[in-house]
């Protein structure tokens, strides 16, 4: 599972309750049990890479553009690499690469 909440990530990694956790919700207990039983493995995703933050927070331009490109599946570097490789392709592979480049 992917998390962007550091507090929840730390909470489900601990085996017991602490002074700061007075109660648990059922969903938290379910996830925590799955982690302790090695069914799930949590991954902490930084705010810089969390695509959902694009809709909830103001971001600097570079982060916004990168996340927008990921969401829209924009692959500018891929197009350039395919165009440079096109000179060495022949036959059916060249025609296939031409069609792919036109669609990108």
PDB file of N, CA and C in Angstrom:
ATOM      1  N   UNK A   1       0.840  -1.178   0.000  1.00  0.00           N
ATOM      2  CA  UNK A   1       0.000   0.000   0.000  1.00  0.00           C
ATOM      3  C   UNK A   1       0.882   1.237   0.000  1.00  0.00           C
ATOM      4  N   UNK A   2       0.397   2.276  -0.633  1.00  0.00           N
ATOM      5  CA  UNK A   2       1.125   3.535  -0.717  1.00  0.00           C
ATOM      6  C   UNK A   2       0.521   4.543   0.259  1.00  0.00           C
ATOM      7  N   UNK A   3       1.359   5.224   1.015  1.00  0.00           N
ATOM      8  CA  UNK A   3       0.913   6.209   1.999  1.00  0.00           C
ATOM      9  C   UNK A   3       1.622   7.523   1.760  1.00  0.00           C
ATOM     10  N   UNK A   4       0.931   8.619   2.028  1.00  0.00           N
ATOM     11  CA  UNK A   4       1.604   9.915   2.034  1.00  0.00           C
ATOM     12  C   UNK A   4       1.502  10.571   3.396  1.00  0.00           C
ATOM     13  N   UNK A   5       0.970   9.866   4.379  1.00  0.00           N
ATOM     14  CA  UNK A   5       0.789  10.380   5.723  1.00  0.00           C
ATOM     15  C   UNK A   5       1.829   9.727   6.632  1.00  0.00           C
ATOM     16  N   UNK A   6       2.836  10.495   7.029  1.00  0.00           N
ATOM     17  CA  UNK A   6       3.937   9.969   7.839  1.00  0.00           C
ATOM     18  C   UNK A   6       3.446   9.450   9.195  1.00  0.00           C
ATOM     19  N   UNK A   7       2.495  10.131   9.813  1.00  0.00           N
ATOM     20  CA  UNK A   7       1.994   9.701  11.121  1.00  0.00           C
ATOM     21  C   UNK A   7       1.302   8.339  11.021  1.00  0.00           C
ATOM     22  N   UNK A   8       0.471   8.155  10.001  1.00  0.00           N
ATOM     23  CA  UNK A   8      -0.211   6.867   9.832  1.00  0.00           C
ATOM     24  C   UNK A   8       0.793   5.773   9.473  1.00  0.00           C
ATOM     25  N   UNK A   9       1.767   6.110   8.662  1.00  0.00           N
ATOM     26  CA  UNK A   9       2.814   5.150   8.297  1.00  0.00           C
ATOM     27  C   UNK A   9       3.545   4.655   9.543  1.00  0.00           C
ATOM     28  N   UNK A  10       3.921   5.571  10.424  1.00  0.00           N
ATOM     29  CA  UNK A  10       4.604   5.195  11.667  1.00  0.00           C
ATOM     30  C   UNK A  10       3.683   4.397  12.587  1.00  0.00           C
ATOM     31  N   UNK A  11       2.403   4.767  12.621  1.00  0.00           N
ATOM     32  CA  UNK A  11       1.446   4.122  13.510  1.00  0.00           C
ATOM     33  C   UNK A  11       1.244   2.655  13.155  1.00  0.00           C
ATOM     34  N   UNK A  12       1.133   2.340  11.879  1.00  0.00           N
ATOM     35  CA  UNK A  12       0.877   0.950  11.517  1.00  0.00           C
ATOM     36  C   UNK A  12       2.129   0.094  11.578  1.00  0.00           C
ATOM     37  N   UNK A  13       3.297   0.705  11.656  1.00  0.00           N
ATOM     38  CA  UNK A  13       4.534  -0.056  11.755  1.00  0.00           C
ATOM     39  C   UNK A  13       4.811  -0.510  13.197  1.00  0.00           C
ATOM     40  N   UNK A  14       4.218   0.153  14.200  1.00  0.00           N
ATOM     41  CA  UNK A  14       4.445  -0.196  15.598  1.00  0.00           C
ATOM     42  C   UNK A  14       3.602  -1.405  15.979  1.00  0.00           C
ATOM     43  N   UNK A  15       4.094  -2.190  16.903  1.00  0.00           N
ATOM     44  CA  UNK A  15       3.360  -3.385  17.305  1.00  0.00           C
ATOM     45  C   UNK A  15       2.279  -3.104  18.330  1.00  0.00           C
ATOM     46  N   UNK A  16       2.433  -2.117  19.163  1.00  0.00           N
ATOM     47  CA  UNK A  16       1.448  -1.877  20.210  1.00  0.00           C
ATOM     48  C   UNK A  16       0.963  -0.448  20.216  1.00  0.00           C
ATOM     49  N   UNK A  17       0.151  -0.137  21.187  1.00  0.00           N
ATOM     50  CA  UNK A  17      -0.354   1.221  21.344  1.00  0.00           C
ATOM     51  C   UNK A  17       0.661   2.051  22.118  1.00  0.00           C
ATOM     52  N   UNK A  18       0.617   3.349  21.889  1.00  0.00           N
ATOM     53  CA  UNK A  18       1.501   4.238  22.635  1.00  0.00           C
ATOM     54  C   UNK A  18       0.652   5.254  23.389  1.00  0.00           C
ATOM     55  N   UNK A  19       1.308   6.134  24.107  1.00  0.00           N
ATOM     56  CA  UNK A  19       0.590   7.171  24.855  1.00  0.00           C
ATOM     57  C   UNK A  19      -0.170   8.090  23.908  1.00  0.00           C
ATOM     58  N   UNK A  20       0.406   8.305  22.732  1.00  0.00           N
ATOM     59  CA  UNK A  20      -0.225   9.219  21.771  1.00  0.00           C
ATOM     60  C   UNK A  20      -1.419   8.612  21.058  1.00  0.00           C
ATOM     61  N   UNK A  21      -1.545   7.289  21.058  1.00  0.00           N
ATOM     62  CA  UNK A  21      -2.679   6.649  20.381  1.00  0.00           C
ATOM     63  C   UNK A  21      -3.657   6.143  21.423  1.00  0.00           C
ATOM     64  N   UNK A  22      -4.668   6.904  21.704  1.00  0.00           N
ATOM     65  CA  UNK A  22      -5.629   6.522  22.742  1.00  0.00           C
ATOM     66  C   UNK A  22      -6.668   5.546  22.225  1.00  0.00           C
ATOM     67  N   UNK A  23      -6.972   5.627  20.951  1.00  0.00           N
ATOM     68  CA  UNK A  23      -7.946   4.698  20.374  1.00  0.00           C
ATOM     69  C   UNK A  23      -7.545   4.404  18.930  1.00  0.00           C
ATOM     70  N   UNK A  24      -8.040   3.331  18.448  1.00  0.00           N
ATOM     71  CA  UNK A  24      -7.800   2.947  17.057  1.00  0.00           C
ATOM     72  C   UNK A  24      -9.142   2.828  16.341  1.00  0.00           C
ATOM     73  N   UNK A  25      -9.180   3.237  15.129  1.00  0.00           N
ATOM     74  CA  UNK A  25     -10.355   2.979  14.318  1.00  0.00           C
ATOM     75  C   UNK A  25     -10.229   1.573  13.755  1.00  0.00           C
ATOM     76  N   UNK A  26     -11.342   0.999  13.371  1.00  0.00           N
ATOM     77  CA  UNK A  26     -11.312  -0.376  12.856  1.00  0.00           C
ATOM     78  C   UNK A  26     -10.466  -0.500  11.601  1.00  0.00           C
ATOM     79  N   UNK A  27     -10.536   0.474  10.705  1.00  0.00           N
ATOM     80  CA  UNK A  27      -9.756   0.408   9.469  1.00  0.00           C
ATOM     81  C   UNK A  27      -8.262   0.430   9.771  1.00  0.00           C
ATOM     82  N   UNK A  28      -7.861   1.240  10.756  1.00  0.00           N
ATOM     83  CA  UNK A  28      -6.445   1.307  11.136  1.00  0.00           C
ATOM     84  C   UNK A  28      -5.995  -0.025  11.720  1.00  0.00           C
ATOM     85  N   UNK A  29      -6.831  -0.622  12.543  1.00  0.00           N
ATOM     86  CA  UNK A  29      -6.500  -1.925  13.112  1.00  0.00           C
ATOM     87  C   UNK A  29      -6.385  -2.995  12.037  1.00  0.00           C
ATOM     88  N   UNK A  30      -7.269  -2.952  11.051  1.00  0.00           N
ATOM     89  CA  UNK A  30      -7.233  -3.934   9.974  1.00  0.00           C
ATOM     90  C   UNK A  30      -5.941  -3.825   9.168  1.00  0.00           C
ATOM     91  N   UNK A  31      -5.556  -2.597   8.827  1.00  0.00           N
ATOM     92  CA  UNK A  31      -4.316  -2.390   8.079  1.00  0.00           C
ATOM     93  C   UNK A  31      -3.108  -2.786   8.931  1.00  0.00           C
ATOM     94  N   UNK A  32      -3.147  -2.404  10.194  1.00  0.00           N
ATOM     95  CA  UNK A  32      -2.027  -2.727  11.090  1.00  0.00           C
ATOM     96  C   UNK A  32      -1.857  -4.233  11.233  1.00  0.00           C
ATOM     97  N   UNK A  33      -2.961  -4.949  11.359  1.00  0.00           N
ATOM     98  CA  UNK A  33      -2.899  -6.414  11.455  1.00  0.00           C
ATOM     99  C   UNK A  33      -2.324  -7.018  10.174  1.00  0.00           C
ATOM    100  N   UNK A  34      -2.738  -6.500   9.027  1.00  0.00           N
ATOM    101  CA  UNK A  34      -2.226  -7.009   7.752  1.00  0.00           C
ATOM    102  C   UNK A  34      -0.723  -6.756   7.623  1.00  0.00           C
ATOM    103  N   UNK A  35      -0.251  -5.628   8.119  1.00  0.00           N
ATOM    104  CA  UNK A  35       1.186  -5.331   8.078  1.00  0.00           C
ATOM    105  C   UNK A  35       1.944  -6.270   9.018  1.00  0.00           C
ATOM    106  N   UNK A  36       1.420  -6.485  10.216  1.00  0.00           N
ATOM    107  CA  UNK A  36       2.094  -7.361  11.176  1.00  0.00           C
ATOM    108  C   UNK A  36       2.097  -8.814  10.720  1.00  0.00           C
ATOM    109  N   UNK A  37       1.085  -9.225   9.963  1.00  0.00           N
ATOM    110  CA  UNK A  37       1.013 -10.594   9.454  1.00  0.00           C
ATOM    111  C   UNK A  37       1.753 -10.738   8.119  1.00  0.00           C
ATOM    112  N   UNK A  38       2.406  -9.659   7.689  1.00  0.00           N
ATOM    113  CA  UNK A  38       3.192  -9.636   6.452  1.00  0.00           C
ATOM    114  C   UNK A  38       2.335  -9.874   5.206  1.00  0.00           C
ATOM    115  N   UNK A  39       1.082  -9.445   5.262  1.00  0.00           N
ATOM    116  CA  UNK A  39       0.197  -9.505   4.101  1.00  0.00           C
ATOM    117  C   UNK A  39       0.380  -8.255   3.248  1.00  0.00           C
ATOM    118  N   UNK A  40       0.520  -7.113   3.916  1.00  0.00           N
ATOM    119  CA  UNK A  40       0.741  -5.838   3.234  1.00  0.00           C
ATOM    120  C   UNK A  40       2.093  -5.274   3.631  1.00  0.00           C
ATOM    121  N   UNK A  41       2.645  -4.478   2.730  1.00  0.00           N
ATOM    122  CA  UNK A  41       3.869  -3.746   3.048  1.00  0.00           C
ATOM    123  C   UNK A  41       3.622  -2.287   2.705  1.00  0.00           C
ATOM    124  N   UNK A  42       3.712  -1.390   3.675  1.00  0.00           N
ATOM    125  CA  UNK A  42       3.450   0.025   3.387  1.00  0.00           C
ATOM    126  C   UNK A  42       4.672   0.701   2.762  1.00  0.00           C
ATOM    127  N   UNK A  43       4.416   1.603   1.849  1.00  0.00           N
ATOM    128  CA  UNK A  43       5.450   2.426   1.234  1.00  0.00           C
ATOM    129  C   UNK A  43       5.076   3.878   1.454  1.00  0.00           C
ATOM    130  N   UNK A  44       5.990   4.657   1.988  1.00  0.00           N
ATOM    131  CA  UNK A  44       5.744   6.069   2.233  1.00  0.00           C
ATOM    132  C   UNK A  44       6.121   6.859   0.985  1.00  0.00           C
ATOM    133  N   UNK A  45       5.169   7.580   0.439  1.00  0.00           N
ATOM    134  CA  UNK A  45       5.378   8.394  -0.747  1.00  0.00           C
ATOM    135  C   UNK A  45       5.511   9.845  -0.298  1.00  0.00           C
ATOM    136  N   UNK A  46       6.571  10.498  -0.723  1.00  0.00           N
ATOM    137  CA  UNK A  46       6.779  11.894  -0.362  1.00  0.00           C
ATOM    138  C   UNK A  46       5.770  12.808  -1.041  1.00  0.00           C
ATOM    139  N   UNK A  47       5.549  13.966  -0.457  1.00  0.00           N
ATOM    140  CA  UNK A  47       4.599  14.930  -1.011  1.00  0.00           C
ATOM    141  C   UNK A  47       4.986  15.346  -2.416  1.00  0.00           C
ATOM    142  N   UNK A  48       6.272  15.350  -2.688  1.00  0.00           N
ATOM    143  CA  UNK A  48       6.753  15.767  -4.005  1.00  0.00           C
ATOM    144  C   UNK A  48       6.271  14.828  -5.114  1.00  0.00           C
ATOM    145  N   UNK A  49       6.004  13.558  -4.767  1.00  0.00           N
ATOM    146  CA  UNK A  49       5.605  12.565  -5.760  1.00  0.00           C
ATOM    147  C   UNK A  49       4.137  12.159  -5.667  1.00  0.00           C
ATOM    148  N   UNK A  50       3.375  12.693  -4.734  1.00  0.00           N
ATOM    149  CA  UNK A  50       1.984  12.290  -4.563  1.00  0.00           C
ATOM    150  C   UNK A  50       1.096  13.048  -5.545  1.00  0.00           C
ATOM    151  N   UNK A  51       0.530  12.328  -6.510  1.00  0.00           N
ATOM    152  CA  UNK A  51      -0.257  12.967  -7.556  1.00  0.00           C
ATOM    153  C   UNK A  51      -1.555  13.579  -7.037  1.00  0.00           C
ATOM    154  N   UNK A  52      -2.128  13.021  -5.994  1.00  0.00           N
ATOM    155  CA  UNK A  52      -3.371  13.544  -5.446  1.00  0.00           C
ATOM    156  C   UNK A  52      -3.219  14.937  -4.852  1.00  0.00           C
ATOM    157  N   UNK A  53      -2.008  15.295  -4.436  1.00  0.00           N
ATOM    158  CA  UNK A  53      -1.775  16.621  -3.870  1.00  0.00           C
ATOM    159  C   UNK A  53      -1.989  17.719  -4.899  1.00  0.00           C
ATOM    160  N   UNK A  54      -1.939  17.363  -6.158  1.00  0.00           N
ATOM    161  CA  UNK A  54      -2.155  18.329  -7.229  1.00  0.00           C
ATOM    162  C   UNK A  54      -3.539  18.968  -7.130  1.00  0.00           C
ATOM    163  N   UNK A  55      -4.514  18.219  -6.622  1.00  0.00           N
ATOM    164  CA  UNK A  55      -5.880  18.708  -6.521  1.00  0.00           C
ATOM    165  C   UNK A  55      -6.189  19.388  -5.199  1.00  0.00           C
ATOM    166  N   UNK A  56      -5.305  19.229  -4.213  1.00  0.00           N
ATOM    167  CA  UNK A  56      -5.616  19.749  -2.887  1.00  0.00           C
ATOM    168  C   UNK A  56      -4.684  20.836  -2.388  1.00  0.00           C
ATOM    169  N   UNK A  57      -3.524  21.025  -3.050  1.00  0.00           N
ATOM    170  CA  UNK A  57      -2.541  21.993  -2.572  1.00  0.00           C
ATOM    171  C   UNK A  57      -2.031  22.844  -3.719  1.00  0.00           C
ATOM    172  N   UNK A  58      -1.601  24.042  -3.378  1.00  0.00           N
ATOM    173  CA  UNK A  58      -0.893  24.870  -4.357  1.00  0.00           C
ATOM    174  C   UNK A  58       0.533  24.348  -4.456  1.00  0.00           C
ATOM    175  N   UNK A  59       1.028  24.205  -5.691  1.00  0.00           N
ATOM    176  CA  UNK A  59       2.364  23.655  -5.894  1.00  0.00           C
ATOM    177  C   UNK A  59       3.196  24.595  -6.742  1.00  0.00           C
ATOM    178  N   UNK A  60       4.515  24.445  -6.625  1.00  0.00           N
ATOM    179  CA  UNK A  60       5.377  25.235  -7.495  1.00  0.00           C
ATOM    180  C   UNK A  60       5.270  24.692  -8.922  1.00  0.00           C
ATOM    181  N   UNK A  61       5.717  25.477  -9.876  1.00  0.00           N
ATOM    182  CA  UNK A  61       5.496  25.156 -11.282  1.00  0.00           C
ATOM    183  C   UNK A  61       6.155  23.852 -11.708  1.00  0.00           C
ATOM    184  N   UNK A  62       7.384  23.607 -11.275  1.00  0.00           N
ATOM    185  CA  UNK A  62       8.088  22.392 -11.713  1.00  0.00           C
ATOM    186  C   UNK A  62       7.382  21.126 -11.212  1.00  0.00           C
ATOM    187  N   UNK A  63       6.917  21.132  -9.965  1.00  0.00           N
ATOM    188  CA  UNK A  63       6.197  19.977  -9.427  1.00  0.00           C
ATOM    189  C   UNK A  63       4.882  19.788 -10.164  1.00  0.00           C
ATOM    190  N   UNK A  64       4.167  20.886 -10.401  1.00  0.00           N
ATOM    191  CA  UNK A  64       2.898  20.803 -11.109  1.00  0.00           C
ATOM    192  C   UNK A  64       3.081  20.228 -12.513  1.00  0.00           C
ATOM    193  N   UNK A  65       4.072  20.719 -13.247  1.00  0.00           N
ATOM    194  CA  UNK A  65       4.299  20.261 -14.625  1.00  0.00           C
ATOM    195  C   UNK A  65       4.676  18.785 -14.639  1.00  0.00           C
ATOM    196  N   UNK A  66       5.539  18.356 -13.715  1.00  0.00           N
ATOM    197  CA  UNK A  66       5.943  16.954 -13.659  1.00  0.00           C
ATOM    198  C   UNK A  66       4.753  16.050 -13.355  1.00  0.00           C
ATOM    199  N   UNK A  67       3.937  16.441 -12.361  1.00  0.00           N
ATOM    200  CA  UNK A  67       2.779  15.624 -12.012  1.00  0.00           C
ATOM    201  C   UNK A  67       1.730  15.636 -13.119  1.00  0.00           C
ATOM    202  N   UNK A  68       1.547  16.764 -13.775  1.00  0.00           N
ATOM    203  CA  UNK A  68       0.613  16.835 -14.899  1.00  0.00           C
ATOM    204  C   UNK A  68       1.059  15.914 -16.030  1.00  0.00           C
ATOM    205  N   UNK A  69       2.347  15.900 -16.322  1.00  0.00           N
ATOM    206  CA  UNK A  69       2.859  15.041 -17.384  1.00  0.00           C
ATOM    207  C   UNK A  69       2.682  13.561 -17.052  1.00  0.00           C
ATOM    208  N   UNK A  70       2.848  13.206 -15.787  1.00  0.00           N
ATOM    209  CA  UNK A  70       2.628  11.821 -15.385  1.00  0.00           C
ATOM    210  C   UNK A  70       1.159  11.457 -15.537  1.00  0.00           C
ATOM    211  N   UNK A  71       0.262  12.335 -15.095  1.00  0.00           N
ATOM    212  CA  UNK A  71      -1.168  12.043 -15.179  1.00  0.00           C
ATOM    213  C   UNK A  71      -1.660  11.988 -16.620  1.00  0.00           C
ATOM    214  N   UNK A  72      -1.088  12.815 -17.485  1.00  0.00           N
ATOM    215  CA  UNK A  72      -1.515  12.846 -18.883  1.00  0.00           C
ATOM    216  C   UNK A  72      -0.706  11.893 -19.760  1.00  0.00           C
ATOM    217  N   UNK A  73       0.226  11.144 -19.156  1.00  0.00           N
ATOM    218  CA  UNK A  73       1.060  10.180 -19.860  1.00  0.00           C
ATOM    219  C   UNK A  73       1.849  10.843 -20.980  1.00  0.00           C
ATOM    220  N   UNK A  74       2.430  11.996 -20.687  1.00  0.00           N
ATOM    221  CA  UNK A  74       3.254  12.719 -21.658  1.00  0.00           C
ATOM    222  C   UNK A  74       4.670  12.176 -21.563  1.00  0.00           C
ATOM    223  N   UNK A  75       5.184  11.700 -22.656  1.00  0.00           N
ATOM    224  CA  UNK A  75       6.522  11.110 -22.678  1.00  0.00           C
ATOM    225  C   UNK A  75       7.378  11.836 -23.709  1.00  0.00           C
ATOM    226  N   UNK A  76       7.787  13.045 -23.440  1.00  0.00           N
ATOM    227  CA  UNK A  76       8.597  13.824 -24.373  1.00  0.00           C
ATOM    228  C   UNK A  76       9.945  13.194 -24.651  1.00  0.00           C
ATOM    229  N   UNK A  77      10.605  12.661 -23.642  1.00  0.00           N
ATOM    230  CA  UNK A  77      11.900  12.023 -23.823  1.00  0.00           C
ATOM    231  C   UNK A  77      11.797  10.761 -24.663  1.00  0.00           C
ATOM    232  N   UNK A  78      10.705  10.035 -24.522  1.00  0.00           N
ATOM    233  CA  UNK A  78      10.510   8.817 -25.295  1.00  0.00           C
ATOM    234  C   UNK A  78      10.391   9.123 -26.776  1.00  0.00           C
ATOM    235  N   UNK A  79       9.669  10.193 -27.110  1.00  0.00           N
ATOM    236  CA  UNK A  79       9.513  10.574 -28.509  1.00  0.00           C
ATOM    237  C   UNK A  79      10.855  10.904 -29.145  1.00  0.00           C
ATOM    238  N   UNK A  80      11.687  11.649 -28.441  1.00  0.00           N
ATOM    239  CA  UNK A  80      13.006  12.008 -28.967  1.00  0.00           C
ATOM    240  C   UNK A  80      13.894  10.779 -29.142  1.00  0.00           C
ATOM    241  N   UNK A  81      13.844   9.852 -28.194  1.00  0.00           N
ATOM    242  CA  UNK A  81      14.638   8.636 -28.300  1.00  0.00           C
ATOM    243  C   UNK A  81      14.185   7.784 -29.484  1.00  0.00           C
ATOM    244  N   UNK A  82      12.873   7.699 -29.704  1.00  0.00           N
ATOM    245  CA  UNK A  82      12.365   6.908 -30.829  1.00  0.00           C
ATOM    246  C   UNK A  82      12.737   7.551 -32.164  1.00  0.00           C
ATOM    247  N   UNK A  83      12.713   8.872 -32.231  1.00  0.00           N
ATOM    248  CA  UNK A  83      13.084   9.540 -33.479  1.00  0.00           C
ATOM    249  C   UNK A  83      14.559   9.328 -33.796  1.00  0.00           C
ATOM    250  N   UNK A  84      15.412   9.335 -32.785  1.00  0.00           N
ATOM    251  CA  UNK A  84      16.831   9.095 -33.033  1.00  0.00           C
ATOM    252  C   UNK A  84      17.087   7.632 -33.404  1.00  0.00           C
ATOM    253  N   UNK A  85      16.300   6.708 -32.865  1.00  0.00           N
ATOM    254  CA  UNK A  85      16.458   5.293 -33.193  1.00  0.00           C
ATOM    255  C   UNK A  85      15.842   4.944 -34.539  1.00  0.00           C
ATOM    256  N   UNK A  86      14.983   5.814 -35.049  1.00  0.00           N
ATOM    257  CA  UNK A  86      14.285   5.541 -36.307  1.00  0.00           C
ATOM    258  C   UNK A  86      15.247   5.429 -37.478  1.00  0.00           C
ATOM    259  N   UNK A  87      16.377   6.132 -37.426  1.00  0.00           N
ATOM    260  CA  UNK A  87      17.319   6.104 -38.543  1.00  0.00           C
ATOM    261  C   UNK A  87      17.960   4.729 -38.716  1.00  0.00           C
ATOM    262  N   UNK A  88      17.990   3.914 -37.672  1.00  0.00           N
ATOM    263  CA  UNK A  88      18.601   2.593 -37.785  1.00  0.00           C
ATOM    264  C   UNK A  88      17.570   1.479 -37.964  1.00  0.00           C
ATOM    265  N   UNK A  89      16.275   1.816 -37.963  1.00  0.00           N
ATOM    266  CA  UNK A  89      15.233   0.796 -38.100  1.00  0.00           C
ATOM    267  C   UNK A  89      14.883   0.603 -39.571  1.00  0.00           C
ATOM    268  N   UNK A  90      14.488  -0.622 -39.922  1.00  0.00           N
ATOM    269  CA  UNK A  90      14.143  -0.948 -41.303  1.00  0.00           C
ATOM    270  C   UNK A  90      12.879  -1.799 -41.326  1.00  0.00           C
ATOM    271  N   UNK A  91      12.179  -1.751 -42.437  1.00  0.00           N
ATOM    272  CA  UNK A  91      11.051  -2.646 -42.669  1.00  0.00           C
ATOM    273  C   UNK A  91       9.871  -2.376 -41.765  1.00  0.00           C
ATOM    274  N   UNK A  92       9.285  -3.464 -41.264  1.00  0.00           N
ATOM    275  CA  UNK A  92       8.059  -3.381 -40.459  1.00  0.00           C
ATOM    276  C   UNK A  92       8.293  -2.618 -39.160  1.00  0.00           C
ATOM    277  N   UNK A  93       9.472  -2.788 -38.544  1.00  0.00           N
ATOM    278  CA  UNK A  93       9.741  -2.074 -37.294  1.00  0.00           C
ATOM    279  C   UNK A  93       9.783  -0.563 -37.529  1.00  0.00           C
ATOM    280  N   UNK A  94      10.304  -0.129 -38.674  1.00  0.00           N
ATOM    281  CA  UNK A  94      10.339   1.301 -38.991  1.00  0.00           C
ATOM    282  C   UNK A  94       8.921   1.853 -39.176  1.00  0.00           C
ATOM    283  N   UNK A  95       8.073   1.097 -39.868  1.00  0.00           N
ATOM    284  CA  UNK A  95       6.682   1.540 -40.057  1.00  0.00           C
ATOM    285  C   UNK A  95       5.947   1.606 -38.725  1.00  0.00           C
ATOM    286  N   UNK A  96       6.175   0.623 -37.862  1.00  0.00           N
ATOM    287  CA  UNK A  96       5.554   0.626 -36.543  1.00  0.00           C
ATOM    288  C   UNK A  96       6.016   1.822 -35.719  1.00  0.00           C
ATOM    289  N   UNK A  97       7.313   2.125 -35.750  1.00  0.00           N
ATOM    290  CA  UNK A  97       7.838   3.271 -35.007  1.00  0.00           C
ATOM    291  C   UNK A  97       7.287   4.587 -35.569  1.00  0.00           C
ATOM    292  N   UNK A  98       7.137   4.682 -36.891  1.00  0.00           N
ATOM    293  CA  UNK A  98       6.540   5.881 -37.494  1.00  0.00           C
ATOM    294  C   UNK A  98       5.133   6.106 -36.965  1.00  0.00           C
ATOM    295  N   UNK A  99       4.350   5.030 -36.915  1.00  0.00           N
ATOM    296  CA  UNK A  99       2.970   5.160 -36.414  1.00  0.00           C
ATOM    297  C   UNK A  99       2.944   5.546 -34.940  1.00  0.00           C
ATOM    298  N   UNK A 100       3.833   4.957 -34.139  1.00  0.00           N
ATOM    299  CA  UNK A 100       3.893   5.302 -32.725  1.00  0.00           C
ATOM    300  C   UNK A 100       4.271   6.762 -32.503  1.00  0.00           C
ATOM    301  N   UNK A 101       5.249   7.253 -33.255  1.00  0.00           N
ATOM    302  CA  UNK A 101       5.697   8.637 -33.101  1.00  0.00           C
ATOM    303  C   UNK A 101       4.581   9.593 -33.480  1.00  0.00           C
ATOM    304  N   UNK A 102       3.837   9.281 -34.532  1.00  0.00           N
ATOM    305  CA  UNK A 102       2.727  10.164 -34.938  1.00  0.00           C
ATOM    306  C   UNK A 102       1.635  10.214 -33.871  1.00  0.00           C
ATOM    307  N   UNK A 103       1.437   9.130 -33.151  1.00  0.00           N
ATOM    308  CA  UNK A 103       0.386   9.105 -32.110  1.00  0.00           C
ATOM    309  C   UNK A 103       0.798   9.791 -30.809  1.00  0.00           C
ATOM    310  N   UNK A 104       2.106   9.957 -30.601  1.00  0.00           N
ATOM    311  CA  UNK A 104       2.568  10.579 -29.354  1.00  0.00           C
ATOM    312  C   UNK A 104       2.493  12.079 -29.417  1.00  0.00           C
TER     313      UNK A 104
END
